[in-house]
Amino acid sequence: MQSESHVAGEIASQPACWRQAHDLAPTLAGRLPRAGERVAVVGCGTSLFMAMAYATLRESAGAGETDAFPASELPASRRYDRIIAISRSGGTTEVLDLLAQVRGRMSTVAITADESSNVAGAADELITLGFADEQSVVQTRFATTTLALLRGALGHDLLALADDAEQALSGNLDPTLTEAAQITFLGRGWTVGLAHEAALKLRESAGTWTESYPAMEYRHGPISIARRGRVTWMLGEPPSGLADEVAATGAWFETGEGLDPMAELVVAQRVALAQALSQGLDPDQPRNLSRAVVLDSH
């Protein structure tokens, strides 16, 4: 194994990538959704979770009805003004199938890291974030840079966000997090997608037992697994009283201490990397995974 994994460098490069997204966002006015458009955002795995976060942010900002779906699950009867498909590799089977199915009926834009991939000819418009591409199988900077770009188009301050990411990368990780036997991530609104993504990073990289829920759903059953040696990690503002209820179980309640939740996701990425390395795993090559899911038949 190399002395420093690709994913370690990719995690560390996120503030710079988000600053590039800040510069790029104003140039994409014609390709990203206009105010009032009905939009669907699709992806698979990590890309789906970024789609979920953006969809909630866009609709809550009053920019228009916005839904998020796994690329394989867009309802056939739905009609949208625009579909955004997120695919780092540009070769994911479900994304390409969907774009082929809606071609000529709905406007489509693909966000990818590879402008030479199959998605380039499958979508009406293409946005390429080659500067955020990755060598690791595990997605980190491409996904967060995509979300940063979409947030920038909604008027979010990406330079302040990048500063928060710098803070998330500094200092030592709390052993309570890196040594936790189980972590449950919680979110509210747009951060539910981030919670799902944080949990996925721990599962992919280290095989850690993780779960993720909307925060208000946590008390409807999932809190039953909370106990000493386990962590409940809130991305964003927690519901009133939840911290005390988790503390009463003996579990550790983690919050972002004022960081933007997307920067807090960077901390979760670092924890995933630390847990993988502590087990002697290669964080660039997680078990049973590949860079793109390409299906022979489906």
C-alpha atoms as a PDB file:
ATOM      1  CA  MET A   1       0.000   0.000   0.000  1.00  0.00           C
ATOM      2  CA  GLN A   2       1.314   3.466  -0.854  1.00  0.00           C
ATOM      3  CA  SER A   3       2.440   5.672   2.024  1.00  0.00           C
ATOM      4  CA  GLU A   4      -0.495   8.017   1.419  1.00  0.00           C
ATOM      5  CA  SER A   5      -3.667   6.830  -0.226  1.00  0.00           C
ATOM      6  CA  HIS A   6      -5.232   8.646  -3.140  1.00  0.00           C
ATOM      7  CA  VAL A   7      -8.348   9.239  -1.076  1.00  0.00           C
ATOM      8  CA  ALA A   8      -6.335  11.008   1.641  1.00  0.00           C
ATOM      9  CA  GLY A   9      -5.097  13.549  -0.885  1.00  0.00           C
ATOM     10  CA  GLU A  10      -8.540  13.862  -2.439  1.00  0.00           C
ATOM     11  CA  ILE A  11     -10.153  14.573   0.927  1.00  0.00           C
ATOM     12  CA  ALA A  12      -7.539  17.248   1.632  1.00  0.00           C
ATOM     13  CA  SER A  13      -8.061  18.917  -1.765  1.00  0.00           C
ATOM     14  CA  GLN A  14     -11.745  19.705  -1.221  1.00  0.00           C
ATOM     15  CA  PRO A  15     -11.401  23.355  -0.134  1.00  0.00           C
ATOM     16  CA  ALA A  16      -9.474  24.104  -3.337  1.00  0.00           C
ATOM     17  CA  CYS A  17     -12.049  22.258  -5.434  1.00  0.00           C
ATOM     18  CA  TRP A  18     -14.914  24.159  -3.835  1.00  0.00           C
ATOM     19  CA  ARG A  19     -13.170  27.436  -4.605  1.00  0.00           C
ATOM     20  CA  GLN A  20     -12.917  26.372  -8.244  1.00  0.00           C
ATOM     21  CA  ALA A  21     -16.629  25.592  -8.163  1.00  0.00           C
ATOM     22  CA  HIS A  22     -17.183  29.140  -6.901  1.00  0.00           C
ATOM     23  CA  ASP A  23     -15.447  30.478 -10.010  1.00  0.00           C
ATOM     24  CA  LEU A  24     -17.284  28.086 -12.331  1.00  0.00           C
ATOM     25  CA  ALA A  25     -20.854  28.525 -11.077  1.00  0.00           C
ATOM     26  CA  PRO A  26     -21.531  31.948 -12.679  1.00  0.00           C
ATOM     27  CA  THR A  27     -20.613  30.587 -16.133  1.00  0.00           C
ATOM     28  CA  LEU A  28     -23.264  27.859 -16.083  1.00  0.00           C
ATOM     29  CA  ALA A  29     -26.455  29.909 -16.006  1.00  0.00           C
ATOM     30  CA  GLY A  30     -27.797  28.364 -19.212  1.00  0.00           C
ATOM     31  CA  ARG A  31     -27.144  24.786 -18.219  1.00  0.00           C
ATOM     32  CA  LEU A  32     -28.384  24.701 -14.643  1.00  0.00           C
ATOM     33  CA  PRO A  33     -32.085  24.919 -13.724  1.00  0.00           C
ATOM     34  CA  ARG A  34     -33.838  28.256 -14.014  1.00  0.00           C
ATOM     35  CA  ALA A  35     -36.087  29.562 -11.268  1.00  0.00           C
ATOM     36  CA  GLY A  36     -39.530  28.025 -11.536  1.00  0.00           C
ATOM     37  CA  GLU A  37     -38.508  24.948 -13.506  1.00  0.00           C
ATOM     38  CA  ARG A  38     -39.716  21.554 -12.296  1.00  0.00           C
ATOM     39  CA  VAL A  39     -36.550  19.517 -11.845  1.00  0.00           C
ATOM     40  CA  ALA A  40     -35.551  15.937 -11.087  1.00  0.00           C
ATOM     41  CA  VAL A  41     -32.020  15.140  -9.911  1.00  0.00           C
ATOM     42  CA  VAL A  42     -30.813  11.554 -10.276  1.00  0.00           C
ATOM     43  CA  GLY A  43     -27.740   9.539  -9.426  1.00  0.00           C
ATOM     44  CA  CYS A  44     -26.573   6.299  -7.854  1.00  0.00           C
ATOM     45  CA  GLY A  45     -24.918   5.784  -4.474  1.00  0.00           C
ATOM     46  CA  THR A  46     -23.016   8.879  -3.408  1.00  0.00           C
ATOM     47  CA  SER A  47     -24.366  10.844  -6.380  1.00  0.00           C
ATOM     48  CA  LEU A  48     -27.918  10.094  -5.251  1.00  0.00           C
ATOM     49  CA  PHE A  49     -27.200  11.501  -1.800  1.00  0.00           C
ATOM     50  CA  MET A  50     -25.835  14.719  -3.323  1.00  0.00           C
ATOM     51  CA  ALA A  51     -28.977  14.852  -5.474  1.00  0.00           C
ATOM     52  CA  MET A  52     -31.136  14.546  -2.353  1.00  0.00           C
ATOM     53  CA  ALA A  53     -29.323  17.398  -0.633  1.00  0.00           C
ATOM     54  CA  TYR A  54     -29.570  19.718  -3.636  1.00  0.00           C
ATOM     55  CA  ALA A  55     -33.219  18.908  -4.310  1.00  0.00           C
ATOM     56  CA  THR A  56     -34.192  19.898  -0.776  1.00  0.00           C
ATOM     57  CA  LEU A  57     -32.081  23.059  -0.871  1.00  0.00           C
ATOM     58  CA  ARG A  58     -33.483  24.192  -4.230  1.00  0.00           C
ATOM     59  CA  GLU A  59     -37.117  23.632  -3.336  1.00  0.00           C
ATOM     60  CA  SER A  60     -36.768  25.174   0.128  1.00  0.00           C
ATOM     61  CA  ALA A  61     -35.191  28.248  -1.515  1.00  0.00           C
ATOM     62  CA  GLY A  62     -38.348  28.723  -3.586  1.00  0.00           C
ATOM     63  CA  ALA A  63     -36.563  28.021  -6.868  1.00  0.00           C
ATOM     64  CA  GLY A  64     -39.052  25.375  -7.992  1.00  0.00           C
ATOM     65  CA  GLU A  65     -40.336  21.885  -7.326  1.00  0.00           C
ATOM     66  CA  THR A  66     -37.340  19.556  -7.162  1.00  0.00           C
ATOM     67  CA  ASP A  67     -37.290  15.792  -6.685  1.00  0.00           C
ATOM     68  CA  ALA A  68     -34.421  13.340  -6.242  1.00  0.00           C
ATOM     69  CA  PHE A  69     -34.453   9.694  -7.326  1.00  0.00           C
ATOM     70  CA  PRO A  70     -32.092   6.801  -7.821  1.00  0.00           C
ATOM     71  CA  ALA A  71     -31.481   6.785 -11.563  1.00  0.00           C
ATOM     72  CA  SER A  72     -33.244   3.419 -11.777  1.00  0.00           C
ATOM     73  CA  GLU A  73     -36.384   4.651 -10.007  1.00  0.00           C
ATOM     74  CA  LEU A  74     -37.609   7.809 -11.783  1.00  0.00           C
ATOM     75  CA  PRO A  75     -41.370   7.273 -12.169  1.00  0.00           C
ATOM     76  CA  ALA A  76     -42.196   6.810 -15.852  1.00  0.00           C
ATOM     77  CA  SER A  77     -45.301   8.997 -15.608  1.00  0.00           C
ATOM     78  CA  ARG A  78     -43.486  12.053 -14.236  1.00  0.00           C
ATOM     79  CA  ARG A  79     -42.701  15.023 -16.456  1.00  0.00           C
ATOM     80  CA  TYR A  80     -39.978  17.552 -15.663  1.00  0.00           C
ATOM     81  CA  ASP A  81     -38.639  20.670 -17.305  1.00  0.00           C
ATOM     82  CA  ARG A  82     -35.121  19.424 -16.667  1.00  0.00           C
ATOM     83  CA  ILE A  83     -33.347  16.350 -15.382  1.00  0.00           C
ATOM     84  CA  ILE A  84     -29.903  16.627 -13.797  1.00  0.00           C
ATOM     85  CA  ALA A  85     -27.934  13.373 -13.840  1.00  0.00           C
ATOM     86  CA  ILE A  86     -24.855  13.117 -11.605  1.00  0.00           C
ATOM     87  CA  SER A  87     -22.262  10.483 -12.532  1.00  0.00           C
ATOM     88  CA  ARG A  88     -18.570  10.760 -11.713  1.00  0.00           C
ATOM     89  CA  SER A  89     -17.523   8.111 -14.239  1.00  0.00           C
ATOM     90  CA  GLY A  90     -20.146   8.949 -16.838  1.00  0.00           C
ATOM     91  CA  GLY A  91     -20.553   5.236 -17.436  1.00  0.00           C
ATOM     92  CA  THR A  92     -23.076   4.123 -14.824  1.00  0.00           C
ATOM     93  CA  THR A  93     -25.606   1.860 -16.507  1.00  0.00           C
ATOM     94  CA  GLU A  94     -28.706   3.148 -14.728  1.00  0.00           C
ATOM     95  CA  VAL A  95     -27.872   6.774 -15.538  1.00  0.00           C
ATOM     96  CA  LEU A  96     -27.275   6.051 -19.210  1.00  0.00           C
ATOM     97  CA  ASP A  97     -30.479   4.009 -19.429  1.00  0.00           C
ATOM     98  CA  LEU A  98     -32.530   6.832 -17.937  1.00  0.00           C
ATOM     99  CA  LEU A  99     -31.056   9.460 -20.247  1.00  0.00           C
ATOM    100  CA  ALA A 100     -31.852   7.259 -23.234  1.00  0.00           C
ATOM    101  CA  GLN A 101     -35.439   6.767 -22.039  1.00  0.00           C
ATOM    102  CA  VAL A 102     -36.202  10.491 -21.682  1.00  0.00           C
ATOM    103  CA  ARG A 103     -34.230  11.741 -24.699  1.00  0.00           C
ATOM    104  CA  GLY A 104     -36.332  14.086 -26.800  1.00  0.00           C
ATOM    105  CA  ARG A 105     -39.034  14.299 -24.118  1.00  0.00           C
ATOM    106  CA  MET A 106     -37.249  16.153 -21.326  1.00  0.00           C
ATOM    107  CA  SER A 107     -34.222  18.427 -21.213  1.00  0.00           C
ATOM    108  CA  THR A 108     -31.219  16.763 -19.571  1.00  0.00           C
ATOM    109  CA  VAL A 109     -27.878  17.869 -18.168  1.00  0.00           C
ATOM    110  CA  ALA A 110     -25.167  15.537 -16.913  1.00  0.00           C
ATOM    111  CA  ILE A 111     -22.513  16.429 -14.349  1.00  0.00           C
ATOM    112  CA  THR A 112     -19.459  14.210 -14.650  1.00  0.00           C
ATOM    113  CA  ALA A 113     -15.709  14.119 -14.135  1.00  0.00           C
ATOM    114  CA  ASP A 114     -14.964  12.595 -17.561  1.00  0.00           C
ATOM    115  CA  GLU A 115     -15.974  14.536 -20.671  1.00  0.00           C
ATOM    116  CA  SER A 116     -15.025  11.586 -22.902  1.00  0.00           C
ATOM    117  CA  SER A 117     -17.418   9.168 -21.177  1.00  0.00           C
ATOM    118  CA  ASN A 118     -20.661   7.808 -22.610  1.00  0.00           C
ATOM    119  CA  VAL A 119     -22.769  10.298 -20.692  1.00  0.00           C
ATOM    120  CA  ALA A 120     -21.391  13.094 -22.902  1.00  0.00           C
ATOM    121  CA  GLY A 121     -23.448  11.890 -25.853  1.00  0.00           C
ATOM    122  CA  ALA A 122     -26.420  10.826 -23.783  1.00  0.00           C
ATOM    123  CA  ALA A 123     -27.349  14.185 -22.221  1.00  0.00           C
ATOM    124  CA  ASP A 124     -28.387  17.416 -23.910  1.00  0.00           C
ATOM    125  CA  GLU A 125     -25.911  19.439 -21.860  1.00  0.00           C
ATOM    126  CA  LEU A 126     -22.689  18.447 -20.130  1.00  0.00           C
ATOM    127  CA  ILE A 127     -20.901  19.945 -17.145  1.00  0.00           C
ATOM    128  CA  THR A 128     -17.443  18.479 -16.605  1.00  0.00           C
ATOM    129  CA  LEU A 129     -15.632  18.775 -13.282  1.00  0.00           C
ATOM    130  CA  GLY A 130     -12.383  17.199 -14.398  1.00  0.00           C
ATOM    131  CA  PHE A 131     -10.456  19.101 -11.742  1.00  0.00           C
ATOM    132  CA  ALA A 132     -12.407  17.158  -9.088  1.00  0.00           C
ATOM    133  CA  ASP A 133     -11.949  13.694 -10.591  1.00  0.00           C
ATOM    134  CA  GLU A 134     -10.523  10.974  -8.364  1.00  0.00           C
ATOM    135  CA  GLN A 135      -8.233   7.977  -8.553  1.00  0.00           C
ATOM    136  CA  SER A 136      -9.791   6.304  -5.545  1.00  0.00           C
ATOM    137  CA  VAL A 137     -12.876   4.135  -5.961  1.00  0.00           C
ATOM    138  CA  VAL A 138     -14.341   5.928  -2.939  1.00  0.00           C
ATOM    139  CA  GLN A 139     -15.970   9.225  -3.887  1.00  0.00           C
ATOM    140  CA  THR A 140     -15.166  12.308  -1.865  1.00  0.00           C
ATOM    141  CA  ARG A 141     -14.187  15.488  -3.687  1.00  0.00           C
ATOM    142  CA  PHE A 142     -16.170  14.944  -6.898  1.00  0.00           C
ATOM    143  CA  ALA A 143     -19.410  14.520  -4.986  1.00  0.00           C
ATOM    144  CA  THR A 144     -18.890  17.456  -2.659  1.00  0.00           C
ATOM    145  CA  THR A 145     -17.665  19.700  -5.483  1.00  0.00           C
ATOM    146  CA  THR A 146     -20.800  18.871  -7.462  1.00  0.00           C
ATOM    147  CA  LEU A 147     -22.950  19.830  -4.501  1.00  0.00           C
ATOM    148  CA  ALA A 148     -20.858  22.963  -3.940  1.00  0.00           C
ATOM    149  CA  LEU A 149     -21.408  23.974  -7.576  1.00  0.00           C
ATOM    150  CA  LEU A 150     -25.162  23.455  -7.276  1.00  0.00           C
ATOM    151  CA  ARG A 151     -25.231  25.359  -3.995  1.00  0.00           C
ATOM    152  CA  GLY A 152     -23.285  28.185  -5.617  1.00  0.00           C
ATOM    153  CA  ALA A 153     -25.964  28.425  -8.299  1.00  0.00           C
ATOM    154  CA  LEU A 154     -28.480  28.912  -5.469  1.00  0.00           C
ATOM    155  CA  GLY A 155     -26.453  31.819  -4.108  1.00  0.00           C
ATOM    156  CA  HIS A 156     -24.591  30.062  -1.296  1.00  0.00           C
ATOM    157  CA  ASP A 157     -21.218  31.478  -0.250  1.00  0.00           C
ATOM    158  CA  LEU A 158     -18.746  28.846  -1.437  1.00  0.00           C
ATOM    159  CA  LEU A 159     -15.702  30.753  -0.247  1.00  0.00           C
ATOM    160  CA  ALA A 160     -16.979  30.678   3.342  1.00  0.00           C
ATOM    161  CA  LEU A 161     -17.832  27.017   2.829  1.00  0.00           C
ATOM    162  CA  ALA A 162     -14.268  26.310   1.701  1.00  0.00           C
ATOM    163  CA  ASP A 163     -12.962  28.061   4.803  1.00  0.00           C
ATOM    164  CA  ASP A 164     -15.097  25.758   6.936  1.00  0.00           C
ATOM    165  CA  ALA A 165     -13.654  22.777   5.065  1.00  0.00           C
ATOM    166  CA  GLU A 166     -10.144  23.979   5.882  1.00  0.00           C
ATOM    167  CA  GLN A 167     -11.129  23.973   9.545  1.00  0.00           C
ATOM    168  CA  ALA A 168     -12.595  20.469   9.184  1.00  0.00           C
ATOM    169  CA  LEU A 169      -9.245  19.257   7.848  1.00  0.00           C
ATOM    170  CA  SER A 170      -7.193  20.774  10.657  1.00  0.00           C
ATOM    171  CA  GLY A 171      -6.410  19.232  13.998  1.00  0.00           C
ATOM    172  CA  ASN A 172      -6.559  15.688  15.289  1.00  0.00           C
ATOM    173  CA  LEU A 173      -9.601  13.474  15.128  1.00  0.00           C
ATOM    174  CA  ASP A 174     -11.366  12.577  18.360  1.00  0.00           C
ATOM    175  CA  PRO A 175     -10.643   8.915  19.277  1.00  0.00           C
ATOM    176  CA  THR A 176     -14.289   8.663  20.330  1.00  0.00           C
ATOM    177  CA  LEU A 177     -15.089   8.822  16.614  1.00  0.00           C
ATOM    178  CA  THR A 178     -12.212   6.860  15.152  1.00  0.00           C
ATOM    179  CA  GLU A 179     -12.620   4.014  17.660  1.00  0.00           C
ATOM    180  CA  ALA A 180     -16.425   3.883  17.697  1.00  0.00           C
ATOM    181  CA  ALA A 181     -17.884   0.425  17.166  1.00  0.00           C
ATOM    182  CA  GLN A 182     -21.039   1.864  15.614  1.00  0.00           C
ATOM    183  CA  ILE A 183     -22.059   5.295  14.288  1.00  0.00           C
ATOM    184  CA  THR A 184     -25.527   6.562  13.391  1.00  0.00           C
ATOM    185  CA  PHE A 185     -25.676   9.736  11.290  1.00  0.00           C
ATOM    186  CA  LEU A 186     -28.671  12.059  11.448  1.00  0.00           C
ATOM    187  CA  GLY A 187     -29.786  14.984   9.311  1.00  0.00           C
ATOM    188  CA  ARG A 188     -32.668  17.390   8.862  1.00  0.00           C
ATOM    189  CA  GLY A 189     -33.917  18.749   5.539  1.00  0.00           C
ATOM    190  CA  TRP A 190     -31.042  18.912   3.070  1.00  0.00           C
ATOM    191  CA  THR A 191     -28.596  17.297   5.484  1.00  0.00           C
ATOM    192  CA  VAL A 192     -30.477  13.982   5.438  1.00  0.00           C
ATOM    193  CA  GLY A 193     -28.654  13.297   2.161  1.00  0.00           C
ATOM    194  CA  LEU A 194     -25.357  14.183   3.835  1.00  0.00           C
ATOM    195  CA  ALA A 195     -26.137  11.811   6.705  1.00  0.00           C
ATOM    196  CA  HIS A 196     -26.722   8.974   4.243  1.00  0.00           C
ATOM    197  CA  GLU A 197     -23.459   9.818   2.491  1.00  0.00           C
ATOM    198  CA  ALA A 198     -21.447   9.961   5.724  1.00  0.00           C
ATOM    199  CA  ALA A 199     -22.749   6.523   6.685  1.00  0.00           C
ATOM    200  CA  LEU A 200     -21.885   5.175   3.242  1.00  0.00           C
ATOM    201  CA  LYS A 201     -18.303   6.421   3.536  1.00  0.00           C
ATOM    202  CA  LEU A 202     -17.765   4.479   6.770  1.00  0.00           C
ATOM    203  CA  ARG A 203     -19.310   1.333   5.283  1.00  0.00           C
ATOM    204  CA  GLU A 204     -17.334   1.547   2.044  1.00  0.00           C
ATOM    205  CA  SER A 205     -13.973   2.409   3.509  1.00  0.00           C
ATOM    206  CA  ALA A 206     -13.894   0.467   6.758  1.00  0.00           C
ATOM    207  CA  GLY A 207     -16.861  -1.894   6.803  1.00  0.00           C
ATOM    208  CA  THR A 208     -18.107  -0.078   9.892  1.00  0.00           C
ATOM    209  CA  TRP A 209     -21.646  -0.639  11.142  1.00  0.00           C
ATOM    210  CA  THR A 210     -23.342   2.637  10.311  1.00  0.00           C
ATOM    211  CA  GLU A 211     -26.931   3.761   9.954  1.00  0.00           C
ATOM    212  CA  SER A 212     -28.529   7.040   8.859  1.00  0.00           C
ATOM    213  CA  TYR A 213     -31.928   8.657   9.391  1.00  0.00           C
ATOM    214  CA  PRO A 214     -33.814  11.932   9.403  1.00  0.00           C
ATOM    215  CA  ALA A 215     -33.224  13.218  12.913  1.00  0.00           C
ATOM    216  CA  MET A 216     -36.890  13.282  13.894  1.00  0.00           C
ATOM    217  CA  GLU A 217     -37.200   9.606  12.945  1.00  0.00           C
ATOM    218  CA  TYR A 218     -34.323   8.536  15.179  1.00  0.00           C
ATOM    219  CA  ARG A 219     -36.472   8.308  18.299  1.00  0.00           C
ATOM    220  CA  HIS A 220     -38.968   6.074  16.461  1.00  0.00           C
ATOM    221  CA  GLY A 221     -36.895   2.926  16.926  1.00  0.00           C
ATOM    222  CA  PRO A 222     -33.269   3.460  15.859  1.00  0.00           C
ATOM    223  CA  ILE A 223     -32.260   5.016  19.192  1.00  0.00           C
ATOM    224  CA  SER A 224     -32.662   1.520  20.665  1.00  0.00           C
ATOM    225  CA  ILE A 225     -29.151   0.586  19.476  1.00  0.00           C
ATOM    226  CA  ALA A 226     -27.489   3.580  21.161  1.00  0.00           C
ATOM    227  CA  ARG A 227     -25.197   2.683  24.039  1.00  0.00           C
ATOM    228  CA  ARG A 228     -21.717   3.306  25.427  1.00  0.00           C
ATOM    229  CA  GLY A 229     -18.990   2.941  22.795  1.00  0.00           C
ATOM    230  CA  ARG A 230     -21.349   4.011  19.996  1.00  0.00           C
ATOM    231  CA  VAL A 231     -21.864   7.440  18.419  1.00  0.00           C
ATOM    232  CA  THR A 232     -24.887   9.399  17.239  1.00  0.00           C
ATOM    233  CA  TRP A 233     -23.619  12.091  14.868  1.00  0.00           C
ATOM    234  CA  MET A 234     -25.867  15.016  13.941  1.00  0.00           C
ATOM    235  CA  LEU A 235     -25.149  16.918  10.724  1.00  0.00           C
ATOM    236  CA  GLY A 236     -26.776  20.307  11.198  1.00  0.00           C
ATOM    237  CA  GLU A 237     -28.939  21.679  13.983  1.00  0.00           C
ATOM    238  CA  PRO A 238     -30.320  18.915  16.218  1.00  0.00           C
ATOM    239  CA  PRO A 239     -33.971  18.751  17.287  1.00  0.00           C
ATOM    240  CA  SER A 240     -34.678  20.046  20.764  1.00  0.00           C
ATOM    241  CA  GLY A 241     -33.958  17.514  23.494  1.00  0.00           C
ATOM    242  CA  LEU A 242     -32.268  14.946  21.261  1.00  0.00           C
ATOM    243  CA  ALA A 243     -28.757  15.447  22.665  1.00  0.00           C
ATOM    244  CA  ASP A 244     -29.993  14.752  26.199  1.00  0.00           C
ATOM    245  CA  GLU A 245     -31.887  11.643  25.090  1.00  0.00           C
ATOM    246  CA  VAL A 246     -28.799  10.239  23.371  1.00  0.00           C
ATOM    247  CA  ALA A 247     -26.607  11.062  26.380  1.00  0.00           C
ATOM    248  CA  ALA A 248     -28.997   9.119  28.588  1.00  0.00           C
ATOM    249  CA  THR A 249     -28.256   5.968  26.556  1.00  0.00           C
ATOM    250  CA  GLY A 250     -24.519   6.246  27.205  1.00  0.00           C
ATOM    251  CA  ALA A 251     -23.760   6.922  23.516  1.00  0.00           C
ATOM    252  CA  TRP A 252     -21.699   9.917  22.414  1.00  0.00           C
ATOM    253  CA  PHE A 253     -23.635  12.735  20.709  1.00  0.00           C
ATOM    254  CA  GLU A 254     -21.493  14.478  18.076  1.00  0.00           C
ATOM    255  CA  THR A 255     -22.318  17.824  16.461  1.00  0.00           C
ATOM    256  CA  GLY A 256     -20.530  20.045  13.982  1.00  0.00           C
ATOM    257  CA  GLU A 257     -19.665  22.896  16.376  1.00  0.00           C
ATOM    258  CA  GLY A 258     -20.733  25.612  13.970  1.00  0.00           C
ATOM    259  CA  LEU A 259     -19.277  24.181  10.762  1.00  0.00           C
ATOM    260  CA  ASP A 260     -21.383  24.044   7.623  1.00  0.00           C
ATOM    261  CA  PRO A 261     -22.772  20.478   7.480  1.00  0.00           C
ATOM    262  CA  MET A 262     -20.951  19.848   4.208  1.00  0.00           C
ATOM    263  CA  ALA A 263     -17.682  20.645   5.952  1.00  0.00           C
ATOM    264  CA  GLU A 264     -18.732  18.309   8.754  1.00  0.00           C
ATOM    265  CA  LEU A 265     -19.059  15.613   6.072  1.00  0.00           C
ATOM    266  CA  VAL A 266     -15.336  16.141   5.460  1.00  0.00           C
ATOM    267  CA  VAL A 267     -14.711  15.205   9.100  1.00  0.00           C
ATOM    268  CA  ALA A 268     -16.730  12.031   8.563  1.00  0.00           C
ATOM    269  CA  GLN A 269     -14.601  11.249   5.502  1.00  0.00           C
ATOM    270  CA  ARG A 270     -11.484  11.603   7.639  1.00  0.00           C
ATOM    271  CA  VAL A 271     -12.955   9.265  10.248  1.00  0.00           C
ATOM    272  CA  ALA A 272     -13.732   6.704   7.539  1.00  0.00           C
ATOM    273  CA  LEU A 273     -10.143   6.873   6.313  1.00  0.00           C
ATOM    274  CA  ALA A 274      -8.748   6.549   9.841  1.00  0.00           C
ATOM    275  CA  GLN A 275     -10.916   3.524  10.599  1.00  0.00           C
ATOM    276  CA  ALA A 276      -9.894   1.845   7.350  1.00  0.00           C
ATOM    277  CA  LEU A 277      -6.199   2.363   8.025  1.00  0.00           C
ATOM    278  CA  SER A 278      -6.520   1.124  11.607  1.00  0.00           C
ATOM    279  CA  GLN A 279      -7.775  -2.195  10.198  1.00  0.00           C
ATOM    280  CA  GLY A 280      -5.032  -2.445   7.582  1.00  0.00           C
ATOM    281  CA  LEU A 281      -7.497  -1.923   4.719  1.00  0.00           C
ATOM    282  CA  ASP A 282      -6.667  -0.197   1.443  1.00  0.00           C
ATOM    283  CA  PRO A 283      -8.945   2.866   1.469  1.00  0.00           C
ATOM    284  CA  ASP A 284      -8.594   3.294  -2.303  1.00  0.00           C
ATOM    285  CA  GLN A 285      -9.896  -0.204  -3.079  1.00  0.00           C
ATOM    286  CA  PRO A 286     -12.861  -1.050  -0.849  1.00  0.00           C
ATOM    287  CA  ARG A 287     -14.150  -4.584  -0.936  1.00  0.00           C
ATOM    288  CA  ASN A 288     -16.637  -5.577  -3.636  1.00  0.00           C
ATOM    289  CA  LEU A 289     -16.701  -2.105  -5.246  1.00  0.00           C
ATOM    290  CA  SER A 290     -15.524  -0.580  -8.521  1.00  0.00           C
ATOM    291  CA  ARG A 291     -15.293   2.965  -9.844  1.00  0.00           C
ATOM    292  CA  ALA A 292     -18.415   2.580 -12.004  1.00  0.00           C
ATOM    293  CA  VAL A 293     -21.253   0.078 -11.937  1.00  0.00           C
ATOM    294  CA  VAL A 294     -21.654  -1.225 -15.478  1.00  0.00           C
ATOM    295  CA  LEU A 295     -24.246  -3.975 -15.851  1.00  0.00           C
ATOM    296  CA  ASP A 296     -24.193  -6.607 -18.594  1.00  0.00           C
ATOM    297  CA  SER A 297     -27.912  -7.290 -18.231  1.00  0.00           C
ATOM    298  CA  HIS A 298     -30.562  -5.789 -15.981  1.00  0.00           C
END
